Amino acid sequence: MPMVKVRFAPSPTGYLHIGGARTALFNWMYARAQGGQFVLRIEDTDLERSKPEYEREILDSMTWLGLTWDEFYKQSDRFAVYQEQAEKLVAEGKAYRDGTAVLLKVDKGRVIKFDDLIRELITFNTDEIKDQVLMKSDGSPAYSFSCVVDDALMGITHVIRGEDHISNTPKQILIYEALGFKVPKFGHLPLIMGADGARLSKRFGAVAVSDYRGEGFLPEGLVNYLMLLGWSPGNQEIVDLKNACTKFSIKKVNKTAAQFDMEKLKWTNAQYIKKADTAFLTDLIVPLLQEEGLLGDGYDRKRVETAVHLYKGRMSTLRDFIERAGFLFVRELVLGPEVKAELAAKDLARPFSLLADRLEQAAPFDVVTTEKIFRGLVAELNMPSGDLVHPVRLALSASAVGPGLFETMAVLGKDLTVERLRRAVGK
């Protein structure tokens, strides 16, 4: 039995989108599950629309996702191969010239059948298929022709692709037959739909993989989510790629369309952020902080790591850190009108001033010392600690939610903590 060999064949006429990434992933998983090979082929026969920057982005995104390939090809390097195979068909009388174009003769009245790996038996009648263009008049190959020639000569045993290619399959089977090549097995994946049940659009997540990367998704989180769009490893929502490959079966892929759910993707990503190494996350977050102008060159790495550790259980994406912990990295905190109104509604001048004075004398300025000072003050003032915790949190972070108040103070540091308490009561 020949070794399983599959391919992912994107066109560099745009960035790698979520649908393409899921197709690449299922091919990669099938190859690894079967001990086979995974081929990456750039289908750049459209010389006008193919761009080097799109090709670079596709390769970068594949590498980032961890989908390494065993062989790599570009169709633009293979025009002579397609020309040769087209000439052969003309010489055998199976194809004919129409000007400078070459077309395959399609016999009418035939039924084309193939047993789809996902959808089972599919049939087409050749009465519905016109003669197929093999080589265009500009000398470039037609999509189906270059696809068949390459899949055959590269030894592709299984073609796994989106269901939007089902109508191409009978045309390609006719080309395989005409060339005398063995027809591979086909499997057509269901499409990914948006939350409204329509084809995935930018509103619901049909953006490039590189956009998700920029938004602060981890590759493991995105891969975990994509593998569950149309397949399940059993009663498991968090499963790494290596373990998934041991369970993957193309025959267990759903026939029905998968629905893209951004909230589920964020939840999945959050699980990977929670268990990630703090130093590793800090390496990813530092450039985001610098990009936002929140971190200069001589920053305190240990302080950033402490903040990341404090917030990593509260993040769905790495960019959430900027939104939730950005107050730690600005000199002057801007309090919104609602926060100002809430602070002004309470008589906080005395407790805030006393707390600021005592914290200014704290040594060391850490979680234990700040908590001791705070608890001592509320006991002295005979006020419930909750009555002061909430307004102090607002004054320090401009937010009603966050990690423990004393952990927050310790990361914020003495100077900023004291300064914000005094500013909050106008001193």
Protein backbone atom coordinates (compact mmCIF):
# COMPACT_ATOMS: atom_id res chain seq x y z
CA MET A 1 0.00 0.00 0.00
CA PRO A 2 1.54 3.38 -0.99
CA MET A 3 2.41 5.86 1.73
CA VAL A 4 -0.28 8.47 2.37
CA LYS A 5 0.66 11.80 0.82
CA VAL A 6 -1.52 14.90 1.04
CA ARG A 7 -1.12 18.51 0.04
CA PHE A 8 -2.29 21.99 0.90
CA ALA A 9 -2.31 24.22 -2.17
CA PRO A 10 -3.07 27.89 -1.44
CA SER A 11 -3.02 30.66 -4.05
CA PRO A 12 -0.92 33.70 -3.07
CA THR A 13 -3.65 36.09 -4.20
CA GLY A 14 -4.49 36.96 -0.59
CA TYR A 15 -3.53 36.14 2.97
CA LEU A 16 -4.09 32.74 4.60
CA HIS A 17 -7.60 32.88 6.04
CA ILE A 18 -9.26 30.75 8.70
CA GLY A 19 -10.95 28.40 6.18
CA GLY A 20 -7.64 27.72 4.43
CA ALA A 21 -5.87 27.22 7.75
CA ARG A 22 -8.46 24.61 8.80
CA THR A 23 -7.98 22.78 5.45
CA ALA A 24 -4.20 22.85 5.93
CA LEU A 25 -4.58 21.60 9.50
CA PHE A 26 -6.83 18.63 8.58
CA ASN A 27 -4.41 17.62 5.79
CA TRP A 28 -1.45 17.91 8.18
CA MET A 29 -3.21 15.89 10.89
CA TYR A 30 -4.21 13.18 8.41
CA ALA A 31 -0.64 12.89 7.13
CA ARG A 32 0.77 12.65 10.67
CA ALA A 33 -1.97 10.23 11.81
CA GLN A 34 -1.17 7.92 8.86
CA GLY A 35 2.61 8.28 9.09
CA GLY A 36 2.51 9.98 5.71
CA GLN A 37 3.81 13.17 4.11
CA PHE A 38 2.45 16.69 3.84
CA VAL A 39 3.20 18.78 0.75
CA LEU A 40 2.85 22.56 0.57
CA ARG A 41 2.27 23.77 -2.98
CA ILE A 42 1.90 27.44 -3.86
CA GLU A 43 -0.56 27.69 -6.77
CA ASP A 44 0.69 30.92 -8.33
CA THR A 45 -0.32 30.37 -11.96
CA ASP A 46 -2.32 33.64 -11.90
CA LEU A 47 0.76 35.79 -12.51
CA GLU A 48 -1.18 39.04 -12.32
CA ARG A 49 -2.89 38.48 -8.94
CA SER A 50 -0.19 36.41 -7.21
CA LYS A 51 2.00 38.54 -4.95
CA PRO A 52 5.28 37.71 -3.12
CA GLU A 53 4.00 39.37 0.07
CA TYR A 54 0.98 37.02 0.14
CA GLU A 55 3.25 34.01 -0.37
CA ARG A 56 5.50 35.16 2.50
CA GLU A 57 2.49 35.64 4.76
CA ILE A 58 1.16 32.15 3.94
CA LEU A 59 4.53 30.54 4.73
CA ASP A 60 4.91 32.58 7.94
CA SER A 61 1.39 31.70 9.09
CA MET A 62 1.86 27.99 8.37
CA THR A 63 5.13 28.00 10.32
CA TRP A 64 3.54 29.95 13.20
CA LEU A 65 0.69 27.40 13.39
CA GLY A 66 3.25 24.59 13.55
CA LEU A 67 2.18 23.04 10.22
CA THR A 68 5.61 22.14 8.84
CA TRP A 69 5.83 20.58 5.38
CA ASP A 70 7.85 17.70 3.93
CA GLU A 71 8.00 19.02 0.35
CA PHE A 72 7.52 22.48 -1.16
CA TYR A 73 6.61 23.48 -4.73
CA LYS A 74 5.57 26.55 -6.69
CA GLN A 75 3.47 26.09 -9.80
CA SER A 76 5.09 29.08 -11.51
CA ASP A 77 8.27 26.98 -11.70
CA ARG A 78 6.46 24.18 -13.53
CA PHE A 79 4.86 25.73 -16.64
CA ALA A 80 7.03 23.55 -18.93
CA VAL A 81 5.66 20.41 -17.20
CA TYR A 82 2.04 21.46 -17.88
CA GLN A 83 2.84 22.38 -21.49
CA GLU A 84 4.42 18.97 -22.06
CA GLN A 85 1.42 17.08 -20.64
CA ALA A 86 -1.00 19.20 -22.72
CA GLU A 87 1.00 18.48 -25.92
CA LYS A 88 0.84 14.77 -25.12
CA LEU A 89 -2.97 14.90 -24.95
CA VAL A 90 -3.16 16.81 -28.25
CA ALA A 91 -0.85 14.25 -29.91
CA GLU A 92 -3.08 11.41 -28.62
CA GLY A 93 -6.22 13.11 -29.97
CA LYS A 94 -7.70 13.54 -26.50
CA ALA A 95 -7.36 17.32 -26.60
CA TYR A 96 -7.44 19.97 -29.32
CA ARG A 97 -6.18 23.47 -29.97
CA ASP A 98 -8.42 26.50 -30.09
CA GLY A 99 -6.04 29.23 -31.19
CA THR A 100 -3.23 29.10 -28.64
CA ALA A 101 -5.45 27.48 -25.99
CA VAL A 102 -5.68 23.70 -25.45
CA LEU A 103 -8.99 22.03 -24.52
CA LEU A 104 -9.82 18.48 -23.36
CA LYS A 105 -12.56 16.67 -25.30
CA VAL A 106 -15.34 15.59 -22.92
CA ASP A 107 -17.44 12.63 -24.05
CA LYS A 108 -21.15 13.10 -23.33
CA GLY A 109 -23.51 10.59 -21.70
CA ARG A 110 -21.05 9.29 -19.08
CA VAL A 111 -21.66 9.09 -15.33
CA ILE A 112 -18.67 10.04 -13.15
CA LYS A 113 -18.76 8.51 -9.66
CA PHE A 114 -16.41 8.93 -6.74
CA ASP A 115 -16.60 7.76 -3.14
CA ASP A 116 -15.93 10.88 -1.08
CA LEU A 117 -14.09 10.20 2.20
CA ILE A 118 -16.52 12.49 4.06
CA ARG A 119 -19.68 12.60 1.93
CA GLU A 120 -19.70 9.04 0.52
CA LEU A 121 -20.93 8.43 -3.06
CA ILE A 122 -21.17 11.49 -5.34
CA THR A 123 -22.19 11.26 -9.01
CA PHE A 124 -22.05 13.67 -11.99
CA ASN A 125 -23.15 13.34 -15.61
CA THR A 126 -20.73 14.49 -18.31
CA ASP A 127 -23.67 16.03 -20.18
CA GLU A 128 -23.31 18.87 -17.67
CA ILE A 129 -19.57 19.27 -18.28
CA LYS A 130 -18.26 21.19 -21.27
CA ASP A 131 -14.86 20.67 -22.92
CA GLN A 132 -12.24 21.65 -20.36
CA VAL A 133 -9.59 24.32 -20.91
CA LEU A 134 -6.18 22.82 -20.07
CA MET A 135 -3.85 25.60 -21.23
CA LYS A 136 -5.10 29.17 -21.57
CA SER A 137 -4.31 31.32 -24.59
CA ASP A 138 -1.70 33.25 -22.54
CA GLY A 139 0.31 30.04 -22.03
CA SER A 140 -0.66 29.55 -18.38
CA PRO A 141 -2.37 26.33 -17.20
CA ALA A 142 -6.00 26.20 -16.11
CA TYR A 143 -6.55 25.50 -12.40
CA SER A 144 -7.89 21.95 -12.75
CA PHE A 145 -5.18 20.90 -15.22
CA SER A 146 -2.17 22.10 -13.21
CA CYS A 147 -3.81 20.68 -10.09
CA VAL A 148 -4.18 17.19 -11.62
CA VAL A 149 -0.71 17.12 -13.22
CA ASP A 150 0.92 18.15 -9.95
CA ASP A 151 -1.12 15.84 -7.70
CA ALA A 152 -0.31 12.90 -9.99
CA LEU A 153 3.40 13.62 -10.48
CA MET A 154 3.90 14.46 -6.79
CA GLY A 155 2.26 11.17 -5.75
CA ILE A 156 -0.66 12.72 -3.85
CA THR A 157 -2.84 9.85 -2.61
CA HIS A 158 -5.60 11.85 -0.88
CA VAL A 159 -6.99 15.26 -1.90
CA ILE A 160 -8.65 16.86 1.14
CA ARG A 161 -10.15 20.28 0.42
CA GLY A 162 -13.22 22.48 0.93
CA GLU A 163 -16.64 21.43 -0.33
CA ASP A 164 -16.63 24.40 -2.73
CA HIS A 165 -14.32 22.19 -4.86
CA ILE A 166 -16.83 19.33 -5.28
CA SER A 167 -17.87 20.60 -8.73
CA ASN A 168 -14.20 20.57 -9.84
CA THR A 169 -13.73 16.90 -8.94
CA PRO A 170 -15.51 15.23 -11.92
CA LYS A 171 -13.66 17.54 -14.34
CA GLN A 172 -10.38 16.58 -12.70
CA ILE A 173 -11.21 12.86 -12.78
CA LEU A 174 -11.68 13.18 -16.57
CA ILE A 175 -8.20 14.78 -16.82
CA TYR A 176 -6.66 12.01 -14.69
CA GLU A 177 -8.20 9.41 -16.99
CA ALA A 178 -7.07 11.18 -20.16
CA LEU A 179 -3.48 11.39 -18.85
CA GLY A 180 -3.52 7.77 -17.68
CA PHE A 181 -2.84 8.73 -14.06
CA LYS A 182 -4.23 6.96 -11.00
CA VAL A 183 -7.17 8.91 -9.46
CA PRO A 184 -6.55 9.79 -5.78
CA LYS A 185 -9.16 9.56 -3.03
CA PHE A 186 -11.12 12.79 -2.45
CA GLY A 187 -12.51 14.24 0.77
CA HIS A 188 -14.46 17.51 0.83
CA LEU A 189 -14.60 19.43 4.10
CA PRO A 190 -17.75 21.31 5.12
CA LEU A 191 -17.57 25.09 4.95
CA ILE A 192 -17.21 27.30 8.03
CA MET A 193 -20.25 29.49 8.63
CA GLY A 194 -20.65 32.69 10.62
CA ALA A 195 -22.87 32.97 13.70
CA ASP A 196 -25.77 34.03 11.41
CA GLY A 197 -25.53 30.81 9.37
CA ALA A 198 -24.18 32.61 6.28
CA ARG A 199 -20.76 32.08 4.67
CA LEU A 200 -18.02 33.27 6.99
CA SER A 201 -17.38 36.98 6.48
CA LYS A 202 -14.98 39.47 8.07
CA ARG A 203 -17.67 40.36 10.58
CA PHE A 204 -17.52 36.85 11.99
CA GLY A 205 -13.85 36.04 11.71
CA ALA A 206 -12.88 35.41 8.08
CA VAL A 207 -9.73 37.39 8.56
CA ALA A 208 -6.16 36.32 7.97
CA VAL A 209 -4.32 34.05 10.38
CA SER A 210 -1.78 36.88 10.74
CA ASP A 211 -4.60 39.12 12.04
CA TYR A 212 -5.37 36.62 14.80
CA ARG A 213 -1.67 36.49 15.60
CA GLY A 214 -1.59 40.30 15.82
CA GLU A 215 -4.67 40.29 18.07
CA GLY A 216 -2.79 38.17 20.59
CA PHE A 217 -4.03 34.65 19.96
CA LEU A 218 -1.53 31.87 20.62
CA PRO A 219 -0.96 29.38 17.77
CA GLU A 220 -1.87 26.46 20.07
CA GLY A 221 -5.19 28.12 20.97
CA LEU A 222 -6.09 28.83 17.34
CA VAL A 223 -5.09 25.32 16.18
CA ASN A 224 -7.05 23.69 19.03
CA TYR A 225 -10.14 25.70 18.08
CA LEU A 226 -9.82 25.05 14.32
CA MET A 227 -9.45 21.29 14.74
CA LEU A 228 -12.83 21.20 16.53
CA LEU A 229 -14.58 22.95 13.61
CA GLY A 230 -15.99 19.81 12.02
CA TRP A 231 -14.21 17.09 14.01
CA SER A 232 -14.09 15.90 17.61
CA PRO A 233 -11.48 13.90 19.52
CA GLY A 234 -14.19 12.68 21.90
CA ASN A 235 -15.32 14.38 25.07
CA GLN A 236 -12.42 16.84 25.06
CA GLU A 237 -12.27 20.55 24.36
CA ILE A 238 -8.59 21.21 25.06
CA VAL A 239 -6.38 18.88 23.07
CA ASP A 240 -2.90 19.57 21.77
CA LEU A 241 -1.93 18.88 18.16
CA LYS A 242 0.27 15.87 18.90
CA ASN A 243 -2.44 14.04 20.86
CA ALA A 244 -5.12 15.02 18.33
CA CYS A 245 -3.13 13.33 15.54
CA THR A 246 -3.27 9.99 17.35
CA LYS A 247 -7.09 10.16 17.27
CA PHE A 248 -7.71 11.87 13.93
CA SER A 249 -9.83 10.11 11.29
CA ILE A 250 -10.95 11.85 8.11
CA LYS A 251 -14.05 9.61 8.05
CA LYS A 252 -15.19 11.16 11.36
CA VAL A 253 -15.26 14.71 9.97
CA ASN A 254 -18.81 16.12 10.03
CA LYS A 255 -20.72 16.52 6.76
CA THR A 256 -22.55 19.60 8.04
CA ALA A 257 -21.10 23.11 8.07
CA ALA A 258 -19.17 24.19 11.15
CA GLN A 259 -20.12 27.44 12.89
CA PHE A 260 -17.42 29.92 13.81
CA ASP A 261 -17.82 31.17 17.38
CA MET A 262 -15.45 33.98 18.42
CA GLU A 263 -16.34 33.60 22.11
CA LYS A 264 -15.44 29.89 22.03
CA LEU A 265 -12.15 30.72 20.26
CA LYS A 266 -11.34 33.28 22.98
CA TRP A 267 -12.22 30.78 25.72
CA THR A 268 -9.95 28.15 24.12
CA ASN A 269 -7.13 30.65 23.76
CA ALA A 270 -7.54 31.71 27.41
CA GLN A 271 -6.90 28.11 28.52
CA TYR A 272 -3.53 28.14 26.74
CA ILE A 273 -2.60 31.57 28.13
CA LYS A 274 -3.37 30.39 31.68
CA LYS A 275 -1.01 27.44 31.48
CA ALA A 276 1.73 29.18 29.46
CA ASP A 277 5.07 30.04 31.03
CA THR A 278 5.06 33.64 32.35
CA ALA A 279 8.46 34.48 30.85
CA PHE A 280 7.30 33.19 27.45
CA LEU A 281 4.11 35.29 27.61
CA THR A 282 6.16 38.33 28.66
CA ASP A 283 8.33 37.94 25.54
CA LEU A 284 5.15 38.19 23.45
CA ILE A 285 3.55 41.01 25.45
CA VAL A 286 6.57 43.35 25.64
CA PRO A 287 6.43 44.21 21.88
CA LEU A 288 2.69 44.94 22.22
CA LEU A 289 3.36 47.32 25.12
CA GLN A 290 6.16 49.00 23.16
CA GLU A 291 3.92 49.31 20.11
CA GLU A 292 1.37 51.16 22.26
CA GLY A 293 4.08 53.43 23.70
CA LEU A 294 3.59 51.98 27.20
CA LEU A 295 7.14 50.66 27.59
CA GLY A 296 10.44 52.40 26.92
CA ASP A 297 13.82 50.81 26.22
CA GLY A 298 15.06 50.70 29.80
CA TYR A 299 12.02 48.92 31.21
CA ASP A 300 12.01 46.76 34.36
CA ARG A 301 11.61 43.22 33.01
CA LYS A 302 10.86 41.72 36.43
CA ARG A 303 8.03 44.22 37.00
CA VAL A 304 6.46 43.36 33.62
CA GLU A 305 6.75 39.63 34.36
CA THR A 306 5.08 40.10 37.75
CA ALA A 307 2.22 41.99 36.07
CA VAL A 308 1.84 39.30 33.37
CA HIS A 309 1.73 36.58 36.04
CA LEU A 310 -0.91 38.58 37.91
CA TYR A 311 -3.13 38.96 34.83
CA LYS A 312 -2.58 35.79 32.79
CA GLY A 313 -5.62 34.11 34.34
CA ARG A 314 -7.75 37.08 33.22
CA MET A 315 -6.77 37.25 29.55
CA SER A 316 -8.50 35.76 26.50
CA THR A 317 -5.91 37.27 24.17
CA LEU A 318 -2.53 38.89 24.80
CA ARG A 319 -4.00 42.27 23.83
CA ASP A 320 -6.34 42.00 26.83
CA PHE A 321 -3.25 42.70 28.93
CA ILE A 322 -2.99 46.20 27.46
CA GLU A 323 -6.65 46.88 28.16
CA ARG A 324 -6.62 45.47 31.70
CA ALA A 325 -3.09 46.17 32.92
CA GLY A 326 -2.20 49.24 30.85
CA PHE A 327 -2.78 51.46 33.92
CA LEU A 328 0.42 49.99 35.41
CA PHE A 329 2.52 51.51 32.62
CA VAL A 330 1.21 55.08 32.38
CA ARG A 331 2.48 57.96 34.54
CA GLU A 332 -0.83 59.80 34.62
CA LEU A 333 -4.00 57.77 34.89
CA VAL A 334 -7.04 59.29 33.21
CA LEU A 335 -10.17 58.76 35.32
CA GLY A 336 -13.40 58.74 33.32
CA PRO A 337 -16.38 60.90 34.38
CA GLU A 338 -18.21 57.92 35.93
CA VAL A 339 -15.20 56.99 38.07
CA LYS A 340 -14.72 60.64 39.11
CA ALA A 341 -18.40 60.92 40.02
CA GLU A 342 -18.27 57.71 42.10
CA LEU A 343 -15.18 58.87 43.99
CA ALA A 344 -16.63 62.35 44.52
CA ALA A 345 -19.87 60.93 45.93
CA LYS A 346 -18.03 59.50 48.96
CA ASP A 347 -16.13 61.31 51.68
CA LEU A 348 -12.74 59.82 50.86
CA ALA A 349 -10.38 62.75 51.48
CA ARG A 350 -9.34 61.69 54.99
CA PRO A 351 -8.98 57.88 54.46
CA PHE A 352 -7.19 58.39 51.11
CA SER A 353 -4.80 60.99 52.57
CA LEU A 354 -4.01 58.84 55.62
CA LEU A 355 -3.49 55.76 53.45
CA ALA A 356 -1.22 57.69 51.07
CA ASP A 357 0.85 59.05 53.97
CA ARG A 358 1.30 55.63 55.55
CA LEU A 359 2.05 53.83 52.29
CA GLU A 360 4.69 56.47 51.56
CA GLN A 361 6.53 55.28 54.70
CA ALA A 362 6.12 51.56 53.85
CA ALA A 363 9.31 49.52 53.70
CA PRO A 364 9.42 47.21 51.93
CA PHE A 365 6.58 48.15 49.58
CA ASP A 366 5.20 44.65 49.03
CA VAL A 367 1.92 42.72 49.32
CA VAL A 368 2.33 41.88 53.02
CA THR A 369 3.29 45.41 54.12
CA THR A 370 0.63 47.23 52.06
CA GLU A 371 -2.09 44.89 53.33
CA LYS A 372 -0.97 45.35 56.95
CA ILE A 373 -1.07 49.16 56.58
CA PHE A 374 -4.48 49.03 54.88
CA ARG A 375 -6.03 46.70 57.49
CA GLY A 376 -4.64 48.80 60.32
CA LEU A 377 -6.13 51.98 58.86
CA VAL A 378 -9.67 50.62 58.31
CA ALA A 379 -9.67 49.20 61.85
CA GLU A 380 -8.55 52.59 63.21
CA LEU A 381 -11.23 54.41 61.19
CA ASN A 382 -13.79 51.78 62.20
CA MET A 383 -14.95 51.27 58.60
CA PRO A 384 -15.63 48.01 56.72
CA SER A 385 -12.59 47.20 54.53
CA GLY A 386 -14.90 46.74 51.51
CA ASP A 387 -15.92 50.41 51.76
CA LEU A 388 -12.32 51.41 51.04
CA VAL A 389 -11.12 48.54 48.79
CA HIS A 390 -13.41 49.46 45.91
CA PRO A 391 -12.70 53.23 45.75
CA VAL A 392 -8.94 52.64 46.18
CA ARG A 393 -9.02 50.15 43.28
CA LEU A 394 -10.85 52.75 41.15
CA ALA A 395 -8.31 55.43 42.03
CA LEU A 396 -5.34 53.20 41.20
CA SER A 397 -6.60 51.46 38.06
CA ALA A 398 -9.72 53.32 36.86
CA SER A 399 -11.43 49.90 36.89
CA ALA A 400 -13.80 48.18 39.29
CA VAL A 401 -12.32 44.73 38.59
CA GLY A 402 -8.85 43.29 38.72
CA PRO A 403 -6.51 41.07 40.72
CA GLY A 404 -6.01 41.46 44.48
CA LEU A 405 -5.67 45.10 45.58
CA PHE A 406 -2.39 44.56 47.44
CA GLU A 407 -0.81 42.61 44.57
CA THR A 408 -1.86 45.52 42.33
CA MET A 409 -0.27 48.07 44.67
CA ALA A 410 2.98 46.08 44.81
CA VAL A 411 3.28 45.96 41.00
CA LEU A 412 2.19 49.58 40.57
CA GLY A 413 4.92 50.64 42.99
CA LYS A 414 5.03 53.11 45.88
CA ASP A 415 5.38 56.35 43.90
CA LEU A 416 2.44 55.78 41.56
CA THR A 417 0.20 54.31 44.28
CA VAL A 418 0.70 57.31 46.58
CA GLU A 419 0.45 59.82 43.72
CA ARG A 420 -2.86 58.37 42.45
CA LEU A 421 -4.43 58.25 45.90
CA ARG A 422 -3.61 61.93 46.44
CA ARG A 423 -4.72 63.00 42.99
CA ALA A 424 -8.04 61.18 43.42
CA VAL A 425 -8.98 63.53 46.28
CA GLY A 426 -7.52 66.60 44.62
CA LYS A 427 -4.29 66.85 46.64
